[in-house]
Amino acid sequence: MTRHVAKLVALIVVLLSFAFIPSLARAVEPDYPANIYIQNVDVANPSNPLDYYSGGVRILLTRNGDNIGLWWNGAWALASFTIDSWQRQTGRQWPYHWRSHDSVAREIQAHCWRFDTTRRPTTISFSGW
């Protein structure tokens, strides 16, 4: 089996595992190019990911992610990677009626300005800041 086929098979196995056991998916390192900016994405409440009060997502950024998160375009891209990863892990649609893409980006940007997001995870809950 060539390397490319082996990588493809491994990717399929990983994606299928998320489809069948979404509640066990924890602290996932995103795929390229997101992994340049995000160390991992963690579903806040894996047993009930759509709970309004305890659901949401936690992200830990890389140094590059912390730097680009300071600016709107970078924070917006980080929000895209974060929402996409949460959806893949849970098999659910992100509840945009509770937390819009823009509000996720604003919270990421605020955290990047205030904290070292490479050591302290950023929690984005559905119920707000």
N, C-alpha and C. Protein backbone atom coordinates (compact mmCIF):
# COMPACT_ATOMS: atom_id res chain seq x y z
N MET A 1 0.84 -1.17 0.00
CA MET A 1 0.00 0.00 0.00
C MET A 1 0.90 1.25 0.00
N THR A 2 0.62 2.15 -0.87
CA THR A 2 1.43 3.36 -0.93
C THR A 2 1.12 4.26 0.25
N ARG A 3 1.99 5.21 0.47
CA ARG A 3 1.80 6.14 1.58
C ARG A 3 0.51 6.93 1.47
N HIS A 4 0.18 7.36 0.25
CA HIS A 4 -1.03 8.16 0.05
C HIS A 4 -2.29 7.35 0.35
N VAL A 5 -2.30 6.10 -0.06
CA VAL A 5 -3.46 5.26 0.20
C VAL A 5 -3.57 5.00 1.71
N ALA A 6 -2.44 4.77 2.37
CA ALA A 6 -2.44 4.55 3.81
C ALA A 6 -2.97 5.77 4.55
N LYS A 7 -2.55 6.97 4.12
CA LYS A 7 -3.05 8.19 4.75
C LYS A 7 -4.54 8.36 4.53
N LEU A 8 -5.00 8.04 3.33
CA LEU A 8 -6.41 8.15 3.02
C LEU A 8 -7.23 7.18 3.87
N VAL A 9 -6.75 5.95 4.01
CA VAL A 9 -7.45 4.96 4.83
C VAL A 9 -7.48 5.43 6.29
N ALA A 10 -6.36 5.96 6.79
CA ALA A 10 -6.32 6.44 8.17
C ALA A 10 -7.30 7.60 8.36
N LEU A 11 -7.38 8.51 7.41
CA LEU A 11 -8.30 9.63 7.49
C LEU A 11 -9.75 9.14 7.52
N ILE A 12 -10.07 8.16 6.68
CA ILE A 12 -11.43 7.62 6.65
C ILE A 12 -11.78 6.97 7.99
N VAL A 13 -10.84 6.22 8.56
CA VAL A 13 -11.08 5.58 9.85
C VAL A 13 -11.34 6.63 10.93
N VAL A 14 -10.55 7.69 10.94
CA VAL A 14 -10.74 8.75 11.93
C VAL A 14 -12.09 9.42 11.75
N LEU A 15 -12.44 9.75 10.52
CA LEU A 15 -13.73 10.41 10.28
C LEU A 15 -14.89 9.51 10.65
N LEU A 16 -14.80 8.23 10.35
CA LEU A 16 -15.86 7.30 10.72
C LEU A 16 -15.98 7.17 12.23
N SER A 17 -14.84 7.20 12.91
CA SER A 17 -14.90 7.09 14.37
C SER A 17 -15.65 8.28 14.97
N PHE A 18 -15.50 9.46 14.38
CA PHE A 18 -16.24 10.61 14.86
C PHE A 18 -17.72 10.48 14.56
N ALA A 19 -18.05 9.84 13.46
CA ALA A 19 -19.45 9.66 13.10
C ALA A 19 -20.16 8.71 14.05
N PHE A 20 -19.46 7.68 14.55
CA PHE A 20 -20.10 6.66 15.37
C PHE A 20 -19.96 6.89 16.86
N ILE A 21 -18.95 7.65 17.30
CA ILE A 21 -18.78 7.91 18.73
C ILE A 21 -18.47 9.38 18.98
N PRO A 22 -19.38 10.27 18.58
CA PRO A 22 -19.10 11.69 18.73
C PRO A 22 -18.91 12.13 20.17
N SER A 23 -19.58 11.48 21.12
CA SER A 23 -19.47 11.92 22.51
C SER A 23 -18.10 11.62 23.10
N LEU A 24 -17.32 10.74 22.48
CA LEU A 24 -16.00 10.41 23.00
C LEU A 24 -14.89 11.26 22.37
N ALA A 25 -15.23 12.02 21.36
CA ALA A 25 -14.22 12.83 20.67
C ALA A 25 -13.82 14.00 21.57
N ARG A 26 -12.56 14.06 21.94
CA ARG A 26 -12.08 15.11 22.84
C ARG A 26 -10.75 15.65 22.34
N ALA A 27 -10.52 16.93 22.55
CA ALA A 27 -9.24 17.58 22.27
C ALA A 27 -8.66 17.14 20.94
N VAL A 28 -9.32 17.47 19.88
CA VAL A 28 -8.91 17.07 18.54
C VAL A 28 -8.02 18.14 17.93
N GLU A 29 -6.87 17.71 17.43
CA GLU A 29 -6.03 18.63 16.68
C GLU A 29 -6.61 18.74 15.28
N PRO A 30 -6.91 19.95 14.84
CA PRO A 30 -7.49 20.12 13.51
C PRO A 30 -6.51 19.75 12.40
N ASP A 31 -7.05 19.50 11.22
CA ASP A 31 -6.24 19.23 10.04
C ASP A 31 -5.58 20.51 9.54
N TYR A 32 -4.59 20.35 8.65
CA TYR A 32 -3.95 21.47 7.98
C TYR A 32 -5.00 22.18 7.15
N PRO A 33 -5.06 23.48 7.07
CA PRO A 33 -4.15 24.47 7.61
C PRO A 33 -4.51 24.93 9.02
N ALA A 34 -5.64 24.47 9.55
CA ALA A 34 -6.07 24.93 10.88
C ALA A 34 -5.05 24.61 11.96
N ASN A 35 -4.32 23.49 11.82
CA ASN A 35 -3.37 23.11 12.88
C ASN A 35 -2.18 24.04 12.99
N ILE A 36 -2.02 24.94 12.05
CA ILE A 36 -0.99 25.98 12.16
C ILE A 36 -1.41 27.00 13.24
N TYR A 37 -2.72 27.13 13.41
CA TYR A 37 -3.28 28.16 14.28
C TYR A 37 -3.94 27.63 15.56
N ILE A 38 -4.42 26.40 15.51
CA ILE A 38 -5.16 25.84 16.64
C ILE A 38 -4.50 24.54 17.09
N GLN A 39 -4.14 24.47 18.38
CA GLN A 39 -3.56 23.24 18.92
C GLN A 39 -4.60 22.15 19.05
N ASN A 40 -5.76 22.47 19.61
CA ASN A 40 -6.83 21.49 19.70
C ASN A 40 -8.17 22.16 19.91
N VAL A 41 -9.20 21.39 19.59
CA VAL A 41 -10.59 21.81 19.74
C VAL A 41 -11.27 20.75 20.59
N ASP A 42 -11.96 21.18 21.62
CA ASP A 42 -12.58 20.29 22.59
C ASP A 42 -14.06 20.64 22.70
N VAL A 43 -14.94 19.66 22.49
CA VAL A 43 -16.37 19.88 22.68
C VAL A 43 -16.61 20.11 24.17
N ALA A 44 -17.27 21.20 24.51
CA ALA A 44 -17.43 21.57 25.92
C ALA A 44 -18.26 20.56 26.72
N ASN A 45 -19.28 20.01 26.14
CA ASN A 45 -20.11 19.02 26.83
C ASN A 45 -20.34 17.85 25.88
N PRO A 46 -19.40 16.91 25.82
CA PRO A 46 -19.50 15.82 24.84
C PRO A 46 -20.77 14.96 24.98
N SER A 47 -21.30 14.81 26.19
CA SER A 47 -22.49 13.98 26.36
C SER A 47 -23.76 14.68 25.88
N ASN A 48 -23.74 16.01 25.84
CA ASN A 48 -24.89 16.79 25.37
C ASN A 48 -24.37 18.07 24.73
N PRO A 49 -23.78 17.96 23.53
CA PRO A 49 -23.09 19.11 22.93
C PRO A 49 -23.98 20.30 22.62
N LEU A 50 -25.29 20.10 22.53
CA LEU A 50 -26.19 21.21 22.23
C LEU A 50 -26.91 21.76 23.45
N ASP A 51 -26.41 21.46 24.64
CA ASP A 51 -26.98 22.05 25.84
C ASP A 51 -26.65 23.55 25.85
N TYR A 52 -27.68 24.38 26.02
CA TYR A 52 -27.50 25.83 25.95
C TYR A 52 -26.56 26.36 27.02
N TYR A 53 -26.60 25.78 28.21
CA TYR A 53 -25.81 26.31 29.32
C TYR A 53 -24.41 25.71 29.43
N SER A 54 -24.25 24.45 29.09
CA SER A 54 -22.93 23.82 29.24
C SER A 54 -22.28 23.45 27.91
N GLY A 55 -22.99 23.61 26.82
CA GLY A 55 -22.44 23.28 25.50
C GLY A 55 -21.54 24.38 24.98
N GLY A 56 -20.88 24.09 23.90
CA GLY A 56 -19.98 25.05 23.28
C GLY A 56 -18.69 24.36 22.91
N VAL A 57 -17.62 25.12 22.91
CA VAL A 57 -16.34 24.60 22.44
C VAL A 57 -15.20 25.28 23.19
N ARG A 58 -14.12 24.54 23.35
CA ARG A 58 -12.88 25.09 23.93
C ARG A 58 -11.78 24.94 22.90
N ILE A 59 -11.03 26.00 22.70
CA ILE A 59 -9.91 25.91 21.76
C ILE A 59 -8.63 26.37 22.46
N LEU A 60 -7.55 25.77 22.05
CA LEU A 60 -6.22 26.16 22.50
C LEU A 60 -5.44 26.52 21.25
N LEU A 61 -5.00 27.76 21.19
CA LEU A 61 -4.34 28.26 19.98
C LEU A 61 -2.83 28.02 20.02
N THR A 62 -2.24 28.03 18.84
CA THR A 62 -0.79 28.04 18.73
C THR A 62 -0.34 29.50 18.82
N ARG A 63 0.95 29.74 18.83
CA ARG A 63 1.46 31.11 18.85
C ARG A 63 0.98 31.86 17.60
N ASN A 64 0.99 31.19 16.44
CA ASN A 64 0.49 31.82 15.21
C ASN A 64 -0.98 32.19 15.33
N GLY A 65 -1.78 31.28 15.93
CA GLY A 65 -3.20 31.54 16.11
C GLY A 65 -3.45 32.70 17.05
N ASP A 66 -2.66 32.77 18.12
CA ASP A 66 -2.78 33.86 19.07
C ASP A 66 -2.47 35.19 18.39
N ASN A 67 -1.51 35.19 17.50
CA ASN A 67 -1.15 36.42 16.79
C ASN A 67 -2.20 36.84 15.77
N ILE A 68 -2.69 35.91 14.96
CA ILE A 68 -3.68 36.32 13.95
C ILE A 68 -5.04 36.59 14.58
N GLY A 69 -5.30 35.99 15.76
CA GLY A 69 -6.57 36.20 16.44
C GLY A 69 -6.76 37.61 16.93
N LEU A 70 -5.69 38.38 16.96
CA LEU A 70 -5.79 39.78 17.37
C LEU A 70 -6.57 40.62 16.37
N TRP A 71 -6.63 40.17 15.13
CA TRP A 71 -7.22 40.95 14.05
C TRP A 71 -8.50 40.27 13.56
N TRP A 72 -9.45 41.08 13.10
CA TRP A 72 -10.77 40.57 12.75
C TRP A 72 -10.71 39.44 11.73
N ASN A 73 -9.99 39.60 10.63
CA ASN A 73 -9.96 38.56 9.61
C ASN A 73 -9.39 37.25 10.16
N GLY A 74 -8.38 37.35 10.99
CA GLY A 74 -7.78 36.16 11.59
C GLY A 74 -8.74 35.50 12.56
N ALA A 75 -9.39 36.30 13.41
CA ALA A 75 -10.35 35.75 14.37
C ALA A 75 -11.51 35.09 13.64
N TRP A 76 -11.94 35.68 12.54
CA TRP A 76 -13.05 35.12 11.76
C TRP A 76 -12.65 33.77 11.18
N ALA A 77 -11.41 33.66 10.67
CA ALA A 77 -10.92 32.37 10.13
C ALA A 77 -10.80 31.34 11.25
N LEU A 78 -10.32 31.74 12.42
CA LEU A 78 -10.24 30.82 13.56
C LEU A 78 -11.63 30.34 13.96
N ALA A 79 -12.61 31.23 13.91
CA ALA A 79 -13.99 30.83 14.22
C ALA A 79 -14.48 29.79 13.22
N SER A 80 -14.13 29.96 11.95
CA SER A 80 -14.52 28.98 10.92
C SER A 80 -13.94 27.61 11.23
N PHE A 81 -12.63 27.57 11.52
CA PHE A 81 -11.98 26.30 11.85
C PHE A 81 -12.61 25.67 13.09
N THR A 82 -12.91 26.49 14.09
CA THR A 82 -13.46 26.02 15.35
C THR A 82 -14.85 25.42 15.16
N ILE A 83 -15.71 26.15 14.48
CA ILE A 83 -17.08 25.68 14.24
C ILE A 83 -17.06 24.40 13.40
N ASP A 84 -16.22 24.36 12.38
CA ASP A 84 -16.12 23.18 11.53
C ASP A 84 -15.68 21.96 12.34
N SER A 85 -14.68 22.13 13.18
CA SER A 85 -14.19 21.02 13.99
C SER A 85 -15.26 20.54 14.97
N TRP A 86 -15.97 21.47 15.61
CA TRP A 86 -17.04 21.11 16.54
C TRP A 86 -18.10 20.29 15.82
N GLN A 87 -18.47 20.73 14.62
CA GLN A 87 -19.50 20.02 13.84
C GLN A 87 -19.05 18.62 13.46
N ARG A 88 -17.77 18.47 13.06
CA ARG A 88 -17.26 17.15 12.71
C ARG A 88 -17.21 16.23 13.93
N GLN A 89 -16.85 16.78 15.08
CA GLN A 89 -16.75 15.96 16.29
C GLN A 89 -18.12 15.53 16.80
N THR A 90 -19.10 16.39 16.70
CA THR A 90 -20.41 16.09 17.29
C THR A 90 -21.38 15.48 16.29
N GLY A 91 -21.13 15.70 15.00
CA GLY A 91 -22.09 15.26 14.00
C GLY A 91 -23.35 16.12 13.97
N ARG A 92 -23.29 17.28 14.59
CA ARG A 92 -24.43 18.20 14.69
C ARG A 92 -24.12 19.50 13.96
N GLN A 93 -25.16 20.27 13.71
CA GLN A 93 -25.00 21.60 13.14
C GLN A 93 -24.74 22.59 14.27
N TRP A 94 -23.84 23.52 14.05
CA TRP A 94 -23.57 24.58 15.03
C TRP A 94 -24.85 25.39 15.21
N PRO A 95 -25.26 25.69 16.44
CA PRO A 95 -26.50 26.45 16.67
C PRO A 95 -26.29 27.96 16.45
N TYR A 96 -26.33 28.36 15.20
CA TYR A 96 -26.08 29.77 14.86
C TYR A 96 -27.13 30.70 15.49
N HIS A 97 -28.31 30.20 15.82
CA HIS A 97 -29.33 31.04 16.46
C HIS A 97 -28.91 31.39 17.89
N TRP A 98 -27.99 30.64 18.48
CA TRP A 98 -27.47 30.96 19.81
C TRP A 98 -26.14 31.69 19.73
N ARG A 99 -25.30 31.27 18.82
CA ARG A 99 -23.95 31.83 18.72
C ARG A 99 -23.59 32.00 17.26
N SER A 100 -23.60 33.21 16.77
CA SER A 100 -23.30 33.46 15.36
C SER A 100 -21.79 33.32 15.12
N HIS A 101 -21.46 33.17 13.86
CA HIS A 101 -20.05 33.09 13.46
C HIS A 101 -19.31 34.35 13.91
N ASP A 102 -19.94 35.49 13.70
CA ASP A 102 -19.31 36.76 14.08
C ASP A 102 -19.09 36.86 15.59
N SER A 103 -20.05 36.37 16.40
CA SER A 103 -19.86 36.46 17.85
C SER A 103 -18.75 35.53 18.33
N VAL A 104 -18.58 34.38 17.67
CA VAL A 104 -17.47 33.49 17.99
C VAL A 104 -16.15 34.20 17.66
N ALA A 105 -16.10 34.83 16.51
CA ALA A 105 -14.89 35.55 16.10
C ALA A 105 -14.57 36.70 17.06
N ARG A 106 -15.60 37.44 17.49
CA ARG A 106 -15.38 38.54 18.44
C ARG A 106 -14.83 38.03 19.77
N GLU A 107 -15.35 36.89 20.22
CA GLU A 107 -14.86 36.36 21.49
C GLU A 107 -13.42 35.86 21.36
N ILE A 108 -13.10 35.22 20.25
CA ILE A 108 -11.72 34.78 20.02
C ILE A 108 -10.80 36.00 20.01
N GLN A 109 -11.19 37.04 19.29
CA GLN A 109 -10.38 38.25 19.22
C GLN A 109 -10.18 38.87 20.60
N ALA A 110 -11.24 38.94 21.38
CA ALA A 110 -11.13 39.52 22.74
C ALA A 110 -10.18 38.69 23.60
N HIS A 111 -10.27 37.37 23.51
CA HIS A 111 -9.39 36.52 24.30
C HIS A 111 -7.93 36.68 23.87
N CYS A 112 -7.70 36.81 22.57
CA CYS A 112 -6.32 36.98 22.09
C CYS A 112 -5.72 38.28 22.58
N TRP A 113 -6.53 39.32 22.73
CA TRP A 113 -6.02 40.59 23.23
C TRP A 113 -5.76 40.54 24.73
N ARG A 114 -6.55 39.73 25.47
CA ARG A 114 -6.46 39.76 26.93
C ARG A 114 -5.62 38.66 27.55
N PHE A 115 -5.53 37.50 26.91
CA PHE A 115 -4.91 36.34 27.53
C PHE A 115 -3.88 35.69 26.62
N ASP A 116 -3.06 34.84 27.20
CA ASP A 116 -2.17 33.98 26.40
C ASP A 116 -2.98 32.75 26.04
N THR A 117 -3.54 32.74 24.85
CA THR A 117 -4.43 31.66 24.43
C THR A 117 -3.66 30.41 24.00
N THR A 118 -2.34 30.43 24.14
CA THR A 118 -1.54 29.24 23.84
C THR A 118 -1.42 28.35 25.08
N ARG A 119 -1.74 28.90 26.24
CA ARG A 119 -1.67 28.13 27.50
C ARG A 119 -3.02 28.01 28.17
N ARG A 120 -3.88 28.96 27.91
CA ARG A 120 -5.21 28.96 28.53
C ARG A 120 -6.26 28.76 27.43
N PRO A 121 -7.03 27.67 27.51
CA PRO A 121 -8.05 27.47 26.47
C PRO A 121 -9.09 28.57 26.47
N THR A 122 -9.57 28.89 25.31
CA THR A 122 -10.67 29.84 25.13
C THR A 122 -11.96 29.05 25.09
N THR A 123 -12.87 29.35 25.98
CA THR A 123 -14.16 28.66 26.01
C THR A 123 -15.21 29.55 25.37
N ILE A 124 -15.91 29.01 24.39
CA ILE A 124 -16.97 29.74 23.72
C ILE A 124 -18.26 28.97 23.98
N SER A 125 -19.05 29.48 24.90
CA SER A 125 -20.28 28.79 25.27
C SER A 125 -21.44 29.33 24.46
N PHE A 126 -22.51 28.57 24.38
CA PHE A 126 -23.69 29.01 23.63
C PHE A 126 -24.45 30.09 24.36
N SER A 127 -24.37 30.10 25.69
CA SER A 127 -25.15 31.05 26.47
C SER A 127 -24.49 32.42 26.57
N GLY A 128 -23.40 32.62 25.89
CA GLY A 128 -22.76 33.94 25.86
C GLY A 128 -21.46 33.98 26.60
N TRP A 129 -20.95 35.17 26.83
CA TRP A 129 -19.63 35.36 27.41
C TRP A 129 -19.75 35.07 28.87
